[in-house]
Amino acid sequence: MTQTTVIESLSTDEWFVDSPDLREFVDIAKEIISSTTHNRAQTLKALEPDFAALLKKENWLPKHFAQSNLSSGLGSGIGQWLLYRSQDRTLTIFSLVIPPHETTPVHDHLSWGLVGLYQGKQEEIVYRRVDSGEIEGQAQLEIVGTYQVKKGDIYHLLPPDNDIHSVKATTVFSPSISIHVMGNDTGSIWRHHYQPENNSVRAYRSGYSNVLVK
């Protein structure tokens, strides 16, 4: 199951959404990230107020990045749209669009991150891995909690114990849209897809709906 991903630096920062609101947030995020290098829990805490302010702003996310995607690497028509990626790939921002009643696979992120709900409602189930990880292809998870997420809510991702979850859109007629602020190039790296019902795990890459992952 072990996979490695060679991530090379980009020639420059990549902007897929050219919004003054997003650019302002990225500038602030870079300052906070660089000043809290040795404490990512502090990074998340410091970033949250400015992220909350971004979530409240309207019309900065183009409609194209708020749509489902039938060829998604996550399946079920779930769109994962890259909005911004830093040159060194240590900061990515993307929207995750989940059609009504659909659910993501149980997955990890392998990075600190903030997730905020921009539109709709969700149910998040958080898991923790309780096995040793020594048996290839097998993983035992336990449920930490189930949470109802509404527009404007923000939750933290921080490995190892707060990084594995699944998310269901509980809206009826429109998709849920969450914004992810991540400390890695989440869609490009090999991470893990878990199947708790049979205690299995496999490596996978989710990719992005608008960017080819080489």
Foldseek 3Di string as FASTA:
>chain_A
DDDFDDDDFAPFKDAPFDAPLVVVLVVVLVVLCVVQVPPVVSSCVVSVVSVLVSLPDPDSDDPVQQFFQCPWLQHQRWAWAWGIAGRRQQKTKTKIWHFAFDKGFWWFQPWKKKKAWNDAKKKKWWWAWDDPPPDPFFTAIDTPDIDIHDHSDMDIADPDGRTIMMMTGNDDHGIIMMMMITRGNRQQTWTWGADNVVRGIDTDHRHHPVDDHD
